[in-house]
Amino acid sequence: MRSNEAIEALRAAGNALGDIDVSGWDESALTHHLTDLSIALCELDSQLSRVADAVRARGFRIEEPAEPTIITGPVSITVAIAA
């Protein structure tokens, strides 16, 4: 994937995640989808970590933007799922 396409894909993924709000899910929906949600979040964490690690391996730092309302560069997210 070319660099511009990769940045667009990362931004699209970030924007899509911005639309997700599990705080509005009722308990039964959250319980029903917890396994799938956990798998998806762990996969996202793994892929974001892989990309971030590759950037760091090249000697670059990853920093949060001053105004995090728009994704302007690589982002590293760590997700902890409680059992």
PDB file of N, CA and C in Angstrom:
ATOM      1  N   MET A   1       0.846  -1.171   0.000  1.00  0.00           N
ATOM      2  CA  MET A   1       0.000   0.000   0.000  1.00  0.00           C
ATOM      3  C   MET A   1       0.893   1.236   0.000  1.00  0.00           C
ATOM      4  N   ARG A   2       0.579   2.167  -0.856  1.00  0.00           N
ATOM      5  CA  ARG A   2       1.360   3.405  -0.929  1.00  0.00           C
ATOM      6  C   ARG A   2       1.143   4.239   0.324  1.00  0.00           C
ATOM      7  N   SER A   3       2.083   5.134   0.591  1.00  0.00           N
ATOM      8  CA  SER A   3       2.034   5.911   1.835  1.00  0.00           C
ATOM      9  C   SER A   3       0.759   6.750   1.956  1.00  0.00           C
ATOM     10  N   ASN A   4       0.345   7.410   0.888  1.00  0.00           N
ATOM     11  CA  ASN A   4      -0.879   8.222   0.954  1.00  0.00           C
ATOM     12  C   ASN A   4      -2.106   7.358   1.225  1.00  0.00           C
ATOM     13  N   GLU A   5      -2.154   6.180   0.583  1.00  0.00           N
ATOM     14  CA  GLU A   5      -3.272   5.264   0.801  1.00  0.00           C
ATOM     15  C   GLU A   5      -3.271   4.743   2.232  1.00  0.00           C
ATOM     16  N   ALA A   6      -2.086   4.486   2.779  1.00  0.00           N
ATOM     17  CA  ALA A   6      -1.978   3.995   4.155  1.00  0.00           C
ATOM     18  C   ALA A   6      -2.484   5.044   5.142  1.00  0.00           C
ATOM     19  N   ILE A   7      -2.093   6.294   4.943  1.00  0.00           N
ATOM     20  CA  ILE A   7      -2.552   7.369   5.827  1.00  0.00           C
ATOM     21  C   ILE A   7      -4.067   7.520   5.724  1.00  0.00           C
ATOM     22  N   GLU A   8      -4.608   7.460   4.512  1.00  0.00           N
ATOM     23  CA  GLU A   8      -6.057   7.554   4.327  1.00  0.00           C
ATOM     24  C   GLU A   8      -6.770   6.406   5.026  1.00  0.00           C
ATOM     25  N   ALA A   9      -6.209   5.195   4.938  1.00  0.00           N
ATOM     26  CA  ALA A   9      -6.817   4.033   5.592  1.00  0.00           C
ATOM     27  C   ALA A   9      -6.797   4.183   7.107  1.00  0.00           C
ATOM     28  N   LEU A  10      -5.680   4.681   7.652  1.00  0.00           N
ATOM     29  CA  LEU A  10      -5.595   4.898   9.099  1.00  0.00           C
ATOM     30  C   LEU A  10      -6.595   5.957   9.553  1.00  0.00           C
ATOM     31  N   ARG A  11      -6.717   7.024   8.793  1.00  0.00           N
ATOM     32  CA  ARG A  11      -7.679   8.081   9.144  1.00  0.00           C
ATOM     33  C   ARG A  11      -9.112   7.563   9.069  1.00  0.00           C
ATOM     34  N   ALA A  12      -9.411   6.787   8.040  1.00  0.00           N
ATOM     35  CA  ALA A  12     -10.759   6.227   7.901  1.00  0.00           C
ATOM     36  C   ALA A  12     -11.077   5.296   9.066  1.00  0.00           C
ATOM     37  N   ALA A  13     -10.098   4.494   9.471  1.00  0.00           N
ATOM     38  CA  ALA A  13     -10.306   3.597  10.611  1.00  0.00           C
ATOM     39  C   ALA A  13     -10.542   4.398  11.886  1.00  0.00           C
ATOM     40  N   GLY A  14      -9.759   5.430  12.093  1.00  0.00           N
ATOM     41  CA  GLY A  14      -9.936   6.278  13.270  1.00  0.00           C
ATOM     42  C   GLY A  14     -11.289   6.955  13.282  1.00  0.00           C
ATOM     43  N   ASN A  15     -11.717   7.448  12.130  1.00  0.00           N
ATOM     44  CA  ASN A  15     -13.026   8.097  12.039  1.00  0.00           C
ATOM     45  C   ASN A  15     -14.156   7.104  12.291  1.00  0.00           C
ATOM     46  N   ALA A  16     -14.018   5.882  11.766  1.00  0.00           N
ATOM     47  CA  ALA A  16     -15.036   4.853  11.983  1.00  0.00           C
ATOM     48  C   ALA A  16     -15.138   4.508  13.465  1.00  0.00           C
ATOM     49  N   LEU A  17     -14.002   4.426  14.133  1.00  0.00           N
ATOM     50  CA  LEU A  17     -14.012   4.124  15.567  1.00  0.00           C
ATOM     51  C   LEU A  17     -14.642   5.258  16.365  1.00  0.00           C
ATOM     52  N   GLY A  18     -14.522   6.470  15.874  1.00  0.00           N
ATOM     53  CA  GLY A  18     -15.118   7.612  16.555  1.00  0.00           C
ATOM     54  C   GLY A  18     -16.634   7.542  16.606  1.00  0.00           C
ATOM     55  N   ASP A  19     -17.227   6.768  15.713  1.00  0.00           N
ATOM     56  CA  ASP A  19     -18.684   6.623  15.679  1.00  0.00           C
ATOM     57  C   ASP A  19     -19.195   5.569  16.655  1.00  0.00           C
ATOM     58  N   ILE A  20     -18.294   4.815  17.270  1.00  0.00           N
ATOM     59  CA  ILE A  20     -18.693   3.726  18.167  1.00  0.00           C
ATOM     60  C   ILE A  20     -18.776   4.243  19.599  1.00  0.00           C
ATOM     61  N   ASP A  21     -19.930   4.003  20.227  1.00  0.00           N
ATOM     62  CA  ASP A  21     -20.126   4.413  21.618  1.00  0.00           C
ATOM     63  C   ASP A  21     -20.846   3.290  22.356  1.00  0.00           C
ATOM     64  N   VAL A  22     -20.084   2.439  23.021  1.00  0.00           N
ATOM     65  CA  VAL A  22     -20.682   1.303  23.724  1.00  0.00           C
ATOM     66  C   VAL A  22     -21.369   1.721  25.022  1.00  0.00           C
ATOM     67  N   SER A  23     -21.186   2.968  25.444  1.00  0.00           N
ATOM     68  CA  SER A  23     -21.841   3.409  26.681  1.00  0.00           C
ATOM     69  C   SER A  23     -23.363   3.395  26.537  1.00  0.00           C
ATOM     70  N   GLY A  24     -23.852   3.458  25.318  1.00  0.00           N
ATOM     71  CA  GLY A  24     -25.288   3.430  25.088  1.00  0.00           C
ATOM     72  C   GLY A  24     -25.860   2.031  24.927  1.00  0.00           C
ATOM     73  N   TRP A  25     -24.991   1.021  24.896  1.00  0.00           N
ATOM     74  CA  TRP A  25     -25.467  -0.352  24.752  1.00  0.00           C
ATOM     75  C   TRP A  25     -26.059  -0.817  26.075  1.00  0.00           C
ATOM     76  N   ASP A  26     -27.163  -1.555  26.013  1.00  0.00           N
ATOM     77  CA  ASP A  26     -27.691  -2.114  27.256  1.00  0.00           C
ATOM     78  C   ASP A  26     -26.836  -3.313  27.672  1.00  0.00           C
ATOM     79  N   GLU A  27     -27.007  -3.743  28.907  1.00  0.00           N
ATOM     80  CA  GLU A  27     -26.174  -4.815  29.471  1.00  0.00           C
ATOM     81  C   GLU A  27     -26.245  -6.092  28.647  1.00  0.00           C
ATOM     82  N   SER A  28     -27.439  -6.458  28.183  1.00  0.00           N
ATOM     83  CA  SER A  28     -27.571  -7.711  27.438  1.00  0.00           C
ATOM     84  C   SER A  28     -26.845  -7.637  26.098  1.00  0.00           C
ATOM     85  N   ALA A  29     -26.904  -6.493  25.427  1.00  0.00           N
ATOM     86  CA  ALA A  29     -26.191  -6.342  24.152  1.00  0.00           C
ATOM     87  C   ALA A  29     -24.689  -6.410  24.369  1.00  0.00           C
ATOM     88  N   LEU A  30     -24.209  -5.724  25.397  1.00  0.00           N
ATOM     89  CA  LEU A  30     -22.775  -5.745  25.682  1.00  0.00           C
ATOM     90  C   LEU A  30     -22.321  -7.149  26.062  1.00  0.00           C
ATOM     91  N   THR A  31     -23.086  -7.813  26.907  1.00  0.00           N
ATOM     92  CA  THR A  31     -22.747  -9.184  27.308  1.00  0.00           C
ATOM     93  C   THR A  31     -22.751 -10.106  26.096  1.00  0.00           C
ATOM     94  N   HIS A  32     -23.761  -9.963  25.244  1.00  0.00           N
ATOM     95  CA  HIS A  32     -23.888 -10.812  24.055  1.00  0.00           C
ATOM     96  C   HIS A  32     -22.707 -10.630  23.095  1.00  0.00           C
ATOM     97  N   HIS A  33     -22.222  -9.422  22.958  1.00  0.00           N
ATOM     98  CA  HIS A  33     -21.162  -9.120  21.992  1.00  0.00           C
ATOM     99  C   HIS A  33     -19.772  -9.012  22.618  1.00  0.00           C
ATOM    100  N   LEU A  34     -19.643  -9.288  23.904  1.00  0.00           N
ATOM    101  CA  LEU A  34     -18.374  -9.060  24.594  1.00  0.00           C
ATOM    102  C   LEU A  34     -17.216  -9.844  23.989  1.00  0.00           C
ATOM    103  N   THR A  35     -17.436 -11.102  23.648  1.00  0.00           N
ATOM    104  CA  THR A  35     -16.358 -11.902  23.065  1.00  0.00           C
ATOM    105  C   THR A  35     -15.923 -11.322  21.728  1.00  0.00           C
ATOM    106  N   ASP A  36     -16.884 -11.024  20.856  1.00  0.00           N
ATOM    107  CA  ASP A  36     -16.548 -10.450  19.548  1.00  0.00           C
ATOM    108  C   ASP A  36     -15.898  -9.081  19.696  1.00  0.00           C
ATOM    109  N   LEU A  37     -16.404  -8.280  20.613  1.00  0.00           N
ATOM    110  CA  LEU A  37     -15.835  -6.960  20.866  1.00  0.00           C
ATOM    111  C   LEU A  37     -14.396  -7.078  21.357  1.00  0.00           C
ATOM    112  N   SER A  38     -14.159  -8.001  22.267  1.00  0.00           N
ATOM    113  CA  SER A  38     -12.811  -8.214  22.797  1.00  0.00           C
ATOM    114  C   SER A  38     -11.848  -8.657  21.704  1.00  0.00           C
ATOM    115  N   ILE A  39     -12.286  -9.577  20.865  1.00  0.00           N
ATOM    116  CA  ILE A  39     -11.442 -10.057  19.765  1.00  0.00           C
ATOM    117  C   ILE A  39     -11.118  -8.913  18.813  1.00  0.00           C
ATOM    118  N   ALA A  40     -12.129  -8.129  18.450  1.00  0.00           N
ATOM    119  CA  ALA A  40     -11.916  -7.013  17.518  1.00  0.00           C
ATOM    120  C   ALA A  40     -10.975  -5.970  18.111  1.00  0.00           C
ATOM    121  N   LEU A  41     -11.167  -5.624  19.390  1.00  0.00           N
ATOM    122  CA  LEU A  41     -10.305  -4.625  20.028  1.00  0.00           C
ATOM    123  C   LEU A  41      -8.866  -5.117  20.145  1.00  0.00           C
ATOM    124  N   CYS A  42      -8.693  -6.383  20.476  1.00  0.00           N
ATOM    125  CA  CYS A  42      -7.332  -6.930  20.571  1.00  0.00           C
ATOM    126  C   CYS A  42      -6.658  -6.967  19.203  1.00  0.00           C
ATOM    127  N   GLU A  43      -7.408  -7.280  18.155  1.00  0.00           N
ATOM    128  CA  GLU A  43      -6.853  -7.277  16.802  1.00  0.00           C
ATOM    129  C   GLU A  43      -6.464  -5.862  16.388  1.00  0.00           C
ATOM    130  N   LEU A  44      -7.325  -4.892  16.670  1.00  0.00           N
ATOM    131  CA  LEU A  44      -6.988  -3.497  16.372  1.00  0.00           C
ATOM    132  C   LEU A  44      -5.739  -3.064  17.124  1.00  0.00           C
ATOM    133  N   ASP A  45      -5.661  -3.404  18.398  1.00  0.00           N
ATOM    134  CA  ASP A  45      -4.496  -3.061  19.210  1.00  0.00           C
ATOM    135  C   ASP A  45      -3.236  -3.679  18.622  1.00  0.00           C
ATOM    136  N   SER A  46      -3.337  -4.935  18.210  1.00  0.00           N
ATOM    137  CA  SER A  46      -2.187  -5.623  17.632  1.00  0.00           C
ATOM    138  C   SER A  46      -1.714  -4.951  16.344  1.00  0.00           C
ATOM    139  N   GLN A  47      -2.647  -4.608  15.473  1.00  0.00           N
ATOM    140  CA  GLN A  47      -2.278  -3.990  14.200  1.00  0.00           C
ATOM    141  C   GLN A  47      -1.729  -2.580  14.393  1.00  0.00           C
ATOM    142  N   LEU A  48      -2.347  -1.806  15.284  1.00  0.00           N
ATOM    143  CA  LEU A  48      -1.832  -0.459  15.556  1.00  0.00           C
ATOM    144  C   LEU A  48      -0.446  -0.522  16.180  1.00  0.00           C
ATOM    145  N   SER A  49      -0.241  -1.475  17.081  1.00  0.00           N
ATOM    146  CA  SER A  49       1.079  -1.642  17.701  1.00  0.00           C
ATOM    147  C   SER A  49       2.119  -2.035  16.664  1.00  0.00           C
ATOM    148  N   ARG A  50       1.726  -2.907  15.730  1.00  0.00           N
ATOM    149  CA  ARG A  50       2.646  -3.340  14.671  1.00  0.00           C
ATOM    150  C   ARG A  50       3.099  -2.149  13.836  1.00  0.00           C
ATOM    151  N   VAL A  51       2.150  -1.305  13.439  1.00  0.00           N
ATOM    152  CA  VAL A  51       2.493  -0.133  12.632  1.00  0.00           C
ATOM    153  C   VAL A  51       3.347   0.840  13.445  1.00  0.00           C
ATOM    154  N   ALA A  52       2.950   1.095  14.684  1.00  0.00           N
ATOM    155  CA  ALA A  52       3.710   2.017  15.541  1.00  0.00           C
ATOM    156  C   ALA A  52       5.123   1.494  15.794  1.00  0.00           C
ATOM    157  N   ASP A  53       5.253   0.202  16.039  1.00  0.00           N
ATOM    158  CA  ASP A  53       6.578  -0.385  16.270  1.00  0.00           C
ATOM    159  C   ASP A  53       7.471  -0.248  15.040  1.00  0.00           C
ATOM    160  N   ALA A  54       6.883  -0.396  13.853  1.00  0.00           N
ATOM    161  CA  ALA A  54       7.664  -0.249  12.622  1.00  0.00           C
ATOM    162  C   ALA A  54       8.155   1.190  12.456  1.00  0.00           C
ATOM    163  N   VAL A  55       7.323   2.154  12.844  1.00  0.00           N
ATOM    164  CA  VAL A  55       7.734   3.564  12.785  1.00  0.00           C
ATOM    165  C   VAL A  55       8.863   3.810  13.780  1.00  0.00           C
ATOM    166  N   ARG A  56       8.689   3.317  15.007  1.00  0.00           N
ATOM    167  CA  ARG A  56       9.717   3.500  16.040  1.00  0.00           C
ATOM    168  C   ARG A  56      11.021   2.800  15.675  1.00  0.00           C
ATOM    169  N   ALA A  57      10.923   1.654  15.021  1.00  0.00           N
ATOM    170  CA  ALA A  57      12.116   0.910  14.617  1.00  0.00           C
ATOM    171  C   ALA A  57      12.960   1.700  13.624  1.00  0.00           C
ATOM    172  N   ARG A  58      12.334   2.633  12.937  1.00  0.00           N
ATOM    173  CA  ARG A  58      13.052   3.488  11.991  1.00  0.00           C
ATOM    174  C   ARG A  58      13.619   4.724  12.671  1.00  0.00           C
ATOM    175  N   GLY A  59      13.447   4.824  14.006  1.00  0.00           N
ATOM    176  CA  GLY A  59      14.026   5.921  14.761  1.00  0.00           C
ATOM    177  C   GLY A  59      13.130   7.132  14.939  1.00  0.00           C
ATOM    178  N   PHE A  60      11.860   7.008  14.584  1.00  0.00           N
ATOM    179  CA  PHE A  60      10.923   8.122  14.722  1.00  0.00           C
ATOM    180  C   PHE A  60      10.116   7.984  16.002  1.00  0.00           C
ATOM    181  N   ARG A  61       9.672   9.128  16.529  1.00  0.00           N
ATOM    182  CA  ARG A  61       8.798   9.141  17.701  1.00  0.00           C
ATOM    183  C   ARG A  61       7.357   9.287  17.255  1.00  0.00           C
ATOM    184  N   ILE A  62       6.469   8.711  18.014  1.00  0.00           N
ATOM    185  CA  ILE A  62       5.038   8.883  17.776  1.00  0.00           C
ATOM    186  C   ILE A  62       4.506   9.727  18.916  1.00  0.00           C
ATOM    187  N   GLU A  63       3.930  10.863  18.571  1.00  0.00           N
ATOM    188  CA  GLU A  63       3.416  11.791  19.572  1.00  0.00           C
ATOM    189  C   GLU A  63       1.955  12.083  19.286  1.00  0.00           C
ATOM    190  N   GLU A  64       1.204  12.327  20.352  1.00  0.00           N
ATOM    191  CA  GLU A  64      -0.186  12.727  20.168  1.00  0.00           C
ATOM    192  C   GLU A  64      -0.222  14.147  19.630  1.00  0.00           C
ATOM    193  N   PRO A  65      -1.136  14.420  18.687  1.00  0.00           N
ATOM    194  CA  PRO A  65      -1.259  15.783  18.182  1.00  0.00           C
ATOM    195  C   PRO A  65      -1.722  16.718  19.296  1.00  0.00           C
ATOM    196  N   ALA A  66      -1.402  18.000  19.158  1.00  0.00           N
ATOM    197  CA  ALA A  66      -1.792  18.989  20.170  1.00  0.00           C
ATOM    198  C   ALA A  66      -3.308  19.041  20.330  1.00  0.00           C
ATOM    199  N   GLU A  67      -4.036  18.917  19.229  1.00  0.00           N
ATOM    200  CA  GLU A  67      -5.499  18.902  19.259  1.00  0.00           C
ATOM    201  C   GLU A  67      -5.964  17.576  18.677  1.00  0.00           C
ATOM    202  N   PRO A  68      -6.271  16.583  19.521  1.00  0.00           N
ATOM    203  CA  PRO A  68      -6.554  15.231  19.036  1.00  0.00           C
ATOM    204  C   PRO A  68      -7.932  15.023  18.420  1.00  0.00           C
ATOM    205  N   THR A  69      -8.586  16.074  17.932  1.00  0.00           N
ATOM    206  CA  THR A  69      -9.903  15.892  17.338  1.00  0.00           C
ATOM    207  C   THR A  69      -9.824  15.292  15.937  1.00  0.00           C
ATOM    208  N   ILE A  70      -8.698  15.459  15.267  1.00  0.00           N
ATOM    209  CA  ILE A  70      -8.511  14.912  13.925  1.00  0.00           C
ATOM    210  C   ILE A  70      -7.227  14.098  13.943  1.00  0.00           C
ATOM    211  N   ILE A  71      -7.272  12.898  13.381  1.00  0.00           N
ATOM    212  CA  ILE A  71      -6.075  12.075  13.318  1.00  0.00           C
ATOM    213  C   ILE A  71      -5.176  12.650  12.234  1.00  0.00           C
ATOM    214  N   THR A  72      -3.978  13.090  12.631  1.00  0.00           N
ATOM    215  CA  THR A  72      -3.054  13.697  11.677  1.00  0.00           C
ATOM    216  C   THR A  72      -1.788  12.878  11.510  1.00  0.00           C
ATOM    217  N   GLY A  73      -1.677  11.796  12.190  1.00  0.00           N
ATOM    218  CA  GLY A  73      -0.485  10.961  12.088  1.00  0.00           C
ATOM    219  C   GLY A  73      -0.719   9.635  12.770  1.00  0.00           C
ATOM    220  N   PRO A  74       0.302   8.809  12.815  1.00  0.00           N
ATOM    221  CA  PRO A  74       0.154   7.496  13.448  1.00  0.00           C
ATOM    222  C   PRO A  74      -0.228   7.628  14.920  1.00  0.00           C
ATOM    223  N   VAL A  75      -1.054   6.706  15.371  1.00  0.00           N
ATOM    224  CA  VAL A  75      -1.519   6.710  16.751  1.00  0.00           C
ATOM    225  C   VAL A  75      -1.306   5.322  17.336  1.00  0.00           C
ATOM    226  N   SER A  76      -0.818   5.252  18.547  1.00  0.00           N
ATOM    227  CA  SER A  76      -0.669   3.981  19.245  1.00  0.00           C
ATOM    228  C   SER A  76      -1.701   3.926  20.358  1.00  0.00           C
ATOM    229  N   ILE A  77      -2.503   2.863  20.347  1.00  0.00           N
ATOM    230  CA  ILE A  77      -3.555   2.707  21.342  1.00  0.00           C
ATOM    231  C   ILE A  77      -3.360   1.374  22.047  1.00  0.00           C
ATOM    232  N   THR A  78      -3.443   1.385  23.367  1.00  0.00           N
ATOM    233  CA  THR A  78      -3.388   0.155  24.135  1.00  0.00           C
ATOM    234  C   THR A  78      -4.753  -0.062  24.758  1.00  0.00           C
ATOM    235  N   VAL A  79      -5.289  -1.266  24.573  1.00  0.00           N
ATOM    236  CA  VAL A  79      -6.607  -1.591  25.090  1.00  0.00           C
ATOM    237  C   VAL A  79      -6.468  -2.730  26.084  1.00  0.00           C
ATOM    238  N   ALA A  80      -7.002  -2.562  27.280  1.00  0.00           N
ATOM    239  CA  ALA A  80      -7.026  -3.625  28.279  1.00  0.00           C
ATOM    240  C   ALA A  80      -8.464  -4.090  28.433  1.00  0.00           C
ATOM    241  N   ILE A  81      -8.683  -5.375  28.326  1.00  0.00           N
ATOM    242  CA  ILE A  81     -10.016  -5.941  28.448  1.00  0.00           C
ATOM    243  C   ILE A  81     -10.080  -6.712  29.764  1.00  0.00           C
ATOM    244  N   ALA A  82     -10.969  -6.323  30.653  1.00  0.00           N
ATOM    245  CA  ALA A  82     -11.135  -7.029  31.923  1.00  0.00           C
ATOM    246  C   ALA A  82     -12.055  -8.222  31.715  1.00  0.00           C
ATOM    247  N   ALA A  83     -11.731  -9.313  32.359  1.00  0.00           N
ATOM    248  CA  ALA A  83     -12.562 -10.520  32.219  1.00  0.00           C
ATOM    249  C   ALA A  83     -13.798 -10.415  33.074  1.00  0.00           C
TER     250      ALA A  83
END
